[in-house]
């Protein structure tokens, strides 16, 4: 029968191995940077793009005050439409950054890694020796 303290230490070791692996830390850093990037893009959309959209669209206070009144109830659809436009702009910015920009960087790194380095002088000499030995054996 296993001692409870040994079981607890084993569980702690397993957790430590999981939590401090490079992948988990990389994921945490990615989430934090992604959140910060999301805030920047949201601020750009909310403070720059959507006010311009509000100026372009007709209405007293832009799109945010658009509403339909049915009986005594008001359905404010303008803010919802603004949120849809905001989402689409945010998705476009993320697409351009992640798929296009980072994809381009990853492709260039893969191309560099795939490019075979020129053989060194030692490798050239060894290749010549190998070829000469092959000729002598035939």
N, C-alpha and C. Protein backbone atom coordinates (compact mmCIF):
# COMPACT_ATOMS: atom_id res chain seq x y z
N UNK A 1 0.84 -1.19 0.00
CA UNK A 1 0.00 0.00 0.00
C UNK A 1 0.88 1.25 0.00
N UNK A 2 0.54 2.21 -0.86
CA UNK A 2 1.33 3.41 -1.00
C UNK A 2 0.99 4.41 0.10
N UNK A 3 2.01 5.03 0.64
CA UNK A 3 1.81 6.03 1.68
C UNK A 3 1.19 7.30 1.09
N UNK A 4 0.28 7.97 1.85
CA UNK A 4 -0.35 9.19 1.33
C UNK A 4 0.66 10.29 1.02
N UNK A 5 1.72 10.40 1.81
CA UNK A 5 2.71 11.45 1.55
C UNK A 5 3.45 11.18 0.25
N UNK A 6 3.74 9.90 -0.01
CA UNK A 6 4.42 9.54 -1.26
C UNK A 6 3.50 9.81 -2.45
N UNK A 7 2.23 9.50 -2.29
CA UNK A 7 1.25 9.75 -3.36
C UNK A 7 1.13 11.24 -3.62
N UNK A 8 1.10 12.05 -2.57
CA UNK A 8 1.00 13.50 -2.72
C UNK A 8 2.25 14.06 -3.40
N UNK A 9 3.42 13.55 -3.04
CA UNK A 9 4.65 14.01 -3.68
C UNK A 9 4.68 13.61 -5.15
N UNK A 10 4.19 12.41 -5.44
CA UNK A 10 4.13 11.96 -6.83
C UNK A 10 3.20 12.86 -7.64
N UNK A 11 2.05 13.20 -7.07
CA UNK A 11 1.11 14.08 -7.74
C UNK A 11 1.74 15.46 -7.95
N UNK A 12 2.46 15.95 -6.95
CA UNK A 12 3.13 17.25 -7.08
C UNK A 12 4.18 17.20 -8.18
N UNK A 13 4.95 16.12 -8.26
CA UNK A 13 5.96 15.98 -9.30
C UNK A 13 5.32 15.97 -10.69
N UNK A 14 4.21 15.25 -10.83
CA UNK A 14 3.51 15.20 -12.11
C UNK A 14 3.01 16.59 -12.50
N UNK A 15 2.44 17.31 -11.52
CA UNK A 15 1.95 18.66 -11.80
C UNK A 15 3.10 19.58 -12.18
N UNK A 16 4.21 19.48 -11.46
CA UNK A 16 5.37 20.33 -11.74
C UNK A 16 5.89 20.06 -13.15
N UNK A 17 5.96 18.79 -13.53
CA UNK A 17 6.42 18.45 -14.88
C UNK A 17 5.48 19.00 -15.94
N UNK A 18 4.18 18.96 -15.66
CA UNK A 18 3.20 19.48 -16.62
C UNK A 18 3.26 21.01 -16.70
N UNK A 19 3.22 21.66 -15.54
CA UNK A 19 3.08 23.12 -15.49
C UNK A 19 4.32 23.85 -15.98
N UNK A 20 5.47 23.26 -15.83
CA UNK A 20 6.68 23.98 -16.19
C UNK A 20 7.34 23.48 -17.45
N UNK A 21 6.61 22.72 -18.24
CA UNK A 21 7.10 22.36 -19.56
C UNK A 21 7.09 23.60 -20.43
N UNK A 22 7.94 23.62 -21.43
CA UNK A 22 8.03 24.76 -22.32
C UNK A 22 6.72 25.07 -23.03
N UNK A 23 5.97 24.04 -23.41
CA UNK A 23 4.74 24.27 -24.16
C UNK A 23 3.71 25.04 -23.34
N UNK A 24 3.57 24.70 -22.07
CA UNK A 24 2.58 25.38 -21.23
C UNK A 24 2.98 26.83 -21.02
N UNK A 25 4.24 27.08 -20.80
CA UNK A 25 4.71 28.46 -20.60
C UNK A 25 4.55 29.25 -21.89
N UNK A 26 4.90 28.64 -23.03
CA UNK A 26 4.71 29.31 -24.32
C UNK A 26 3.24 29.65 -24.55
N UNK A 27 2.36 28.72 -24.20
CA UNK A 27 0.93 28.96 -24.35
C UNK A 27 0.47 30.12 -23.48
N UNK A 28 0.95 30.17 -22.25
CA UNK A 28 0.57 31.26 -21.34
C UNK A 28 1.04 32.61 -21.89
N UNK A 29 2.26 32.66 -22.39
CA UNK A 29 2.79 33.90 -22.97
C UNK A 29 1.95 34.29 -24.18
N UNK A 30 1.59 33.31 -25.01
CA UNK A 30 0.77 33.59 -26.19
C UNK A 30 -0.59 34.15 -25.82
N UNK A 31 -1.20 33.60 -24.77
CA UNK A 31 -2.51 34.09 -24.33
C UNK A 31 -2.41 35.53 -23.83
N UNK A 32 -1.37 35.82 -23.07
CA UNK A 32 -1.19 37.17 -22.53
C UNK A 32 -0.96 38.17 -23.66
N UNK A 33 -0.08 37.83 -24.60
CA UNK A 33 0.18 38.73 -25.72
C UNK A 33 -1.05 38.86 -26.60
N UNK A 34 -1.77 37.75 -26.80
CA UNK A 34 -3.01 37.81 -27.58
C UNK A 34 -4.04 38.72 -26.95
N UNK A 35 -4.16 38.67 -25.63
CA UNK A 35 -5.09 39.57 -24.93
C UNK A 35 -4.70 41.02 -25.11
N UNK A 36 -3.41 41.30 -25.01
CA UNK A 36 -2.94 42.68 -25.19
C UNK A 36 -3.17 43.14 -26.62
N UNK A 37 -2.90 42.26 -27.58
CA UNK A 37 -3.13 42.61 -28.99
C UNK A 37 -4.62 42.85 -29.24
N UNK A 38 -5.47 42.02 -28.62
CA UNK A 38 -6.91 42.18 -28.76
C UNK A 38 -7.38 43.52 -28.23
N UNK A 39 -6.80 43.96 -27.11
CA UNK A 39 -7.17 45.27 -26.55
C UNK A 39 -6.77 46.40 -27.49
N UNK A 40 -5.61 46.28 -28.09
CA UNK A 40 -5.15 47.32 -29.02
C UNK A 40 -6.09 47.40 -30.22
N UNK A 41 -6.41 46.25 -30.79
CA UNK A 41 -7.29 46.24 -31.95
C UNK A 41 -8.69 46.72 -31.57
N UNK A 42 -9.20 46.30 -30.40
CA UNK A 42 -10.51 46.77 -29.95
C UNK A 42 -10.53 48.28 -29.76
N UNK A 43 -9.46 48.82 -29.21
CA UNK A 43 -9.38 50.27 -29.02
C UNK A 43 -9.37 50.98 -30.37
N UNK A 44 -8.64 50.43 -31.33
CA UNK A 44 -8.60 51.02 -32.67
C UNK A 44 -10.00 51.03 -33.28
N UNK A 45 -10.69 49.90 -33.15
CA UNK A 45 -12.04 49.79 -33.73
C UNK A 45 -12.99 50.73 -33.02
N UNK A 46 -13.00 50.69 -31.68
CA UNK A 46 -13.96 51.49 -30.91
C UNK A 46 -13.70 52.99 -30.98
N UNK A 47 -12.42 53.38 -30.99
CA UNK A 47 -12.09 54.81 -30.88
C UNK A 47 -11.76 55.48 -32.21
N UNK A 48 -11.44 54.71 -33.23
CA UNK A 48 -11.10 55.32 -34.51
C UNK A 48 -12.08 54.97 -35.62
N UNK A 49 -12.31 53.68 -35.81
CA UNK A 49 -13.09 53.25 -36.97
C UNK A 49 -14.58 53.46 -36.76
N UNK A 50 -15.11 53.02 -35.61
CA UNK A 50 -16.56 53.12 -35.40
C UNK A 50 -17.05 54.57 -35.33
N UNK A 51 -16.30 55.52 -34.74
CA UNK A 51 -16.76 56.91 -34.83
C UNK A 51 -16.84 57.41 -36.27
N UNK A 52 -15.91 56.97 -37.13
CA UNK A 52 -15.98 57.36 -38.54
C UNK A 52 -17.22 56.74 -39.19
N UNK A 53 -17.51 55.49 -38.84
CA UNK A 53 -18.71 54.83 -39.36
C UNK A 53 -19.95 55.60 -38.89
N UNK A 54 -19.95 56.04 -37.63
CA UNK A 54 -21.07 56.80 -37.10
C UNK A 54 -21.27 58.12 -37.81
N UNK A 55 -20.20 58.76 -38.27
CA UNK A 55 -20.31 60.02 -39.00
C UNK A 55 -20.86 59.77 -40.40
N UNK A 56 -20.43 58.68 -41.02
CA UNK A 56 -20.84 58.37 -42.39
C UNK A 56 -22.31 57.98 -42.46
N UNK A 57 -22.76 57.18 -41.48
CA UNK A 57 -24.13 56.69 -41.50
C UNK A 57 -25.11 57.80 -41.10
N UNK A 58 -26.30 57.80 -41.69
CA UNK A 58 -27.27 58.85 -41.35
C UNK A 58 -27.86 58.63 -39.96
N UNK A 59 -28.38 59.67 -39.39
CA UNK A 59 -29.01 59.60 -38.07
C UNK A 59 -28.46 60.68 -37.18
N UNK A 60 -29.23 61.00 -36.13
CA UNK A 60 -28.79 62.08 -35.24
C UNK A 60 -27.51 61.74 -34.50
N UNK A 61 -27.45 60.58 -33.92
CA UNK A 61 -26.28 60.19 -33.14
C UNK A 61 -25.56 58.99 -33.77
N UNK A 62 -25.61 58.87 -35.06
CA UNK A 62 -24.94 57.76 -35.71
C UNK A 62 -25.71 56.47 -35.54
N UNK A 63 -25.04 55.40 -35.71
CA UNK A 63 -25.66 54.06 -35.70
C UNK A 63 -26.14 53.63 -34.31
N UNK A 64 -25.54 54.13 -33.24
CA UNK A 64 -25.84 53.63 -31.90
C UNK A 64 -27.28 53.91 -31.46
N UNK A 65 -27.89 54.93 -31.97
CA UNK A 65 -29.25 55.29 -31.55
C UNK A 65 -30.34 54.68 -32.44
N UNK A 66 -29.93 53.90 -33.43
CA UNK A 66 -30.93 53.26 -34.29
C UNK A 66 -31.74 52.26 -33.49
N UNK A 67 -33.04 52.33 -33.62
CA UNK A 67 -33.91 51.42 -32.88
C UNK A 67 -35.25 51.31 -33.59
N UNK A 68 -35.91 50.20 -33.33
CA UNK A 68 -37.26 49.98 -33.83
C UNK A 68 -38.18 49.94 -32.61
N UNK A 69 -39.31 50.62 -32.70
CA UNK A 69 -40.27 50.60 -31.62
C UNK A 69 -41.46 49.75 -32.06
N UNK A 70 -41.74 48.72 -31.26
CA UNK A 70 -42.88 47.85 -31.53
C UNK A 70 -43.79 47.96 -30.31
N UNK A 71 -44.91 48.63 -30.49
CA UNK A 71 -45.80 48.88 -29.34
C UNK A 71 -45.09 49.80 -28.37
N UNK A 72 -44.92 49.34 -27.14
CA UNK A 72 -44.22 50.13 -26.12
C UNK A 72 -42.77 49.69 -25.95
N UNK A 73 -42.37 48.68 -26.68
CA UNK A 73 -41.00 48.14 -26.55
C UNK A 73 -40.10 48.72 -27.64
N UNK A 74 -38.85 48.98 -27.24
CA UNK A 74 -37.85 49.50 -28.17
C UNK A 74 -36.77 48.43 -28.37
N UNK A 75 -36.43 48.19 -29.62
CA UNK A 75 -35.38 47.22 -29.96
C UNK A 75 -34.21 48.01 -30.53
N UNK A 76 -33.14 48.18 -29.72
CA UNK A 76 -31.98 48.98 -30.18
C UNK A 76 -31.03 48.14 -31.04
N UNK A 77 -31.28 48.08 -32.33
CA UNK A 77 -30.48 47.24 -33.21
C UNK A 77 -29.20 47.94 -33.68
N UNK A 78 -29.10 49.24 -33.54
CA UNK A 78 -27.93 49.98 -34.00
C UNK A 78 -26.65 49.56 -33.30
N UNK A 79 -26.71 49.43 -31.99
CA UNK A 79 -25.52 49.01 -31.23
C UNK A 79 -25.11 47.59 -31.64
N UNK A 80 -26.11 46.72 -31.89
CA UNK A 80 -25.82 45.36 -32.33
C UNK A 80 -25.11 45.37 -33.68
N UNK A 81 -25.59 46.18 -34.61
CA UNK A 81 -24.93 46.29 -35.91
C UNK A 81 -23.50 46.83 -35.75
N UNK A 82 -23.33 47.78 -34.85
CA UNK A 82 -21.99 48.29 -34.57
C UNK A 82 -21.07 47.22 -34.03
N UNK A 83 -21.61 46.35 -33.15
CA UNK A 83 -20.80 45.26 -32.62
C UNK A 83 -20.43 44.25 -33.70
N UNK A 84 -21.34 44.02 -34.65
CA UNK A 84 -21.02 43.12 -35.77
C UNK A 84 -19.89 43.70 -36.62
N UNK A 85 -20.00 44.98 -36.95
CA UNK A 85 -18.94 45.64 -37.72
C UNK A 85 -17.63 45.61 -36.96
N UNK A 86 -17.69 45.86 -35.66
CA UNK A 86 -16.50 45.83 -34.81
C UNK A 86 -15.86 44.43 -34.84
N UNK A 87 -16.69 43.40 -34.72
CA UNK A 87 -16.18 42.03 -34.76
C UNK A 87 -15.52 41.73 -36.10
N UNK A 88 -16.15 42.13 -37.19
CA UNK A 88 -15.59 41.85 -38.51
C UNK A 88 -14.24 42.55 -38.71
N UNK A 89 -14.15 43.78 -38.23
CA UNK A 89 -12.88 44.51 -38.35
C UNK A 89 -11.81 43.85 -37.48
N UNK A 90 -12.18 43.45 -36.27
CA UNK A 90 -11.24 42.77 -35.38
C UNK A 90 -10.79 41.44 -35.99
N UNK A 91 -11.72 40.68 -36.54
CA UNK A 91 -11.37 39.41 -37.18
C UNK A 91 -10.45 39.63 -38.37
N UNK A 92 -10.71 40.69 -39.15
CA UNK A 92 -9.85 40.99 -40.29
C UNK A 92 -8.44 41.35 -39.84
N UNK A 93 -8.33 42.16 -38.78
CA UNK A 93 -7.01 42.53 -38.27
C UNK A 93 -6.25 41.31 -37.77
N UNK A 94 -6.93 40.44 -37.03
CA UNK A 94 -6.28 39.22 -36.55
C UNK A 94 -5.89 38.30 -37.70
N UNK A 95 -6.75 38.20 -38.72
CA UNK A 95 -6.44 37.38 -39.88
C UNK A 95 -5.18 37.88 -40.58
N UNK A 96 -5.13 39.19 -40.80
CA UNK A 96 -3.96 39.75 -41.47
C UNK A 96 -2.71 39.53 -40.64
N UNK A 97 -2.80 39.74 -39.33
CA UNK A 97 -1.62 39.59 -38.48
C UNK A 97 -1.20 38.13 -38.35
N UNK A 98 -2.13 37.26 -38.04
CA UNK A 98 -1.77 35.87 -37.75
C UNK A 98 -1.52 35.08 -39.03
N UNK A 99 -2.47 35.10 -39.94
CA UNK A 99 -2.35 34.24 -41.12
C UNK A 99 -1.34 34.79 -42.12
N UNK A 100 -1.43 36.06 -42.42
CA UNK A 100 -0.57 36.61 -43.46
C UNK A 100 0.82 36.98 -42.94
N UNK A 101 0.89 37.78 -41.89
CA UNK A 101 2.18 38.26 -41.40
C UNK A 101 2.99 37.13 -40.76
N UNK A 102 2.40 36.44 -39.79
CA UNK A 102 3.14 35.36 -39.14
C UNK A 102 3.36 34.19 -40.09
N UNK A 103 2.42 33.94 -41.00
CA UNK A 103 2.60 32.89 -42.00
C UNK A 103 3.78 33.20 -42.90
N UNK A 104 3.94 34.46 -43.27
CA UNK A 104 5.06 34.87 -44.10
C UNK A 104 6.38 34.68 -43.35
N UNK A 105 6.39 35.02 -42.07
CA UNK A 105 7.60 34.84 -41.26
C UNK A 105 7.94 33.36 -41.14
N UNK A 106 6.93 32.54 -40.88
CA UNK A 106 7.17 31.10 -40.73
C UNK A 106 7.67 30.49 -42.04
N UNK A 107 7.12 30.93 -43.18
CA UNK A 107 7.58 30.42 -44.47
C UNK A 107 9.03 30.80 -44.73
N UNK A 108 9.40 32.03 -44.40
CA UNK A 108 10.78 32.46 -44.63
C UNK A 108 11.75 31.71 -43.72
N UNK A 109 11.33 31.44 -42.48
CA UNK A 109 12.18 30.65 -41.59
C UNK A 109 12.31 29.21 -42.07
N UNK A 110 11.21 28.65 -42.58
CA UNK A 110 11.25 27.29 -43.11
C UNK A 110 12.14 27.22 -44.34
N UNK A 111 12.10 28.25 -45.17
CA UNK A 111 12.95 28.28 -46.36
C UNK A 111 14.42 28.36 -45.97
N UNK A 112 14.72 29.15 -44.94
CA UNK A 112 16.11 29.24 -44.46
C UNK A 112 16.58 27.91 -43.91
N UNK A 113 15.70 27.24 -43.16
CA UNK A 113 16.07 25.95 -42.57
C UNK A 113 16.23 24.88 -43.65
N UNK A 114 15.41 24.98 -44.71
CA UNK A 114 15.46 23.98 -45.77
C UNK A 114 16.67 24.17 -46.68
N UNK A 115 17.18 25.39 -46.78
CA UNK A 115 18.35 25.64 -47.62
C UNK A 115 19.54 24.90 -47.03
N UNK A 116 20.11 24.03 -47.85
CA UNK A 116 21.23 23.22 -47.39
C UNK A 116 22.50 24.07 -47.44
N UNK A 117 23.27 24.07 -46.37
CA UNK A 117 24.50 24.86 -46.37
C UNK A 117 25.52 24.25 -47.33
N UNK A 118 26.39 25.09 -47.84
CA UNK A 118 27.44 24.62 -48.74
C UNK A 118 28.37 23.70 -47.96
N UNK A 119 28.87 22.63 -48.62
CA UNK A 119 29.76 21.71 -47.91
C UNK A 119 31.07 22.39 -47.53
N UNK A 120 31.59 21.97 -46.40
CA UNK A 120 32.87 22.51 -45.95
C UNK A 120 33.99 21.88 -46.76
N UNK A 121 35.19 22.39 -46.60
CA UNK A 121 36.35 21.85 -47.32
C UNK A 121 36.57 20.40 -46.94
N UNK A 122 36.41 20.08 -45.65
CA UNK A 122 36.57 18.69 -45.20
C UNK A 122 35.55 17.77 -45.86
N UNK A 123 34.30 18.24 -45.96
CA UNK A 123 33.26 17.43 -46.58
C UNK A 123 33.54 17.21 -48.06
N UNK A 124 34.05 18.24 -48.74
CA UNK A 124 34.40 18.09 -50.15
C UNK A 124 35.50 17.04 -50.33
N UNK A 125 36.53 17.10 -49.47
CA UNK A 125 37.62 16.13 -49.55
C UNK A 125 37.11 14.71 -49.27
N UNK A 126 36.26 14.56 -48.28
CA UNK A 126 35.71 13.24 -47.97
C UNK A 126 34.86 12.70 -49.12
N UNK A 127 34.13 13.60 -49.78
CA UNK A 127 33.33 13.19 -50.94
C UNK A 127 34.24 12.71 -52.07
N UNK A 128 35.32 13.43 -52.31
CA UNK A 128 36.27 13.02 -53.35
C UNK A 128 36.89 11.66 -53.02
N UNK A 129 37.28 11.47 -51.77
CA UNK A 129 37.86 10.19 -51.35
C UNK A 129 36.85 9.07 -51.54
N UNK A 130 35.61 9.30 -51.15
CA UNK A 130 34.57 8.29 -51.33
C UNK A 130 34.41 7.92 -52.80
N UNK A 131 34.37 8.94 -53.66
CA UNK A 131 34.20 8.69 -55.09
C UNK A 131 35.39 7.91 -55.66
N UNK A 132 36.61 8.25 -55.22
CA UNK A 132 37.80 7.53 -55.69
C UNK A 132 37.77 6.08 -55.23
N UNK A 133 37.34 5.83 -53.99
CA UNK A 133 37.25 4.46 -53.49
C UNK A 133 36.21 3.66 -54.26
N UNK A 134 35.11 4.29 -54.61
CA UNK A 134 34.07 3.62 -55.40
C UNK A 134 34.62 3.24 -56.77
N UNK A 135 35.41 4.15 -57.40
CA UNK A 135 35.98 3.87 -58.71
C UNK A 135 36.98 2.71 -58.65
N UNK A 136 37.76 2.66 -57.58
CA UNK A 136 38.76 1.59 -57.45
C UNK A 136 38.09 0.24 -57.19
N UNK A 137 36.96 0.24 -56.51
CA UNK A 137 36.32 -1.03 -56.20
C UNK A 137 35.63 -1.64 -57.43
N UNK A 138 35.33 -0.84 -58.45
CA UNK A 138 34.68 -1.36 -59.66
C UNK A 138 35.71 -1.79 -60.59
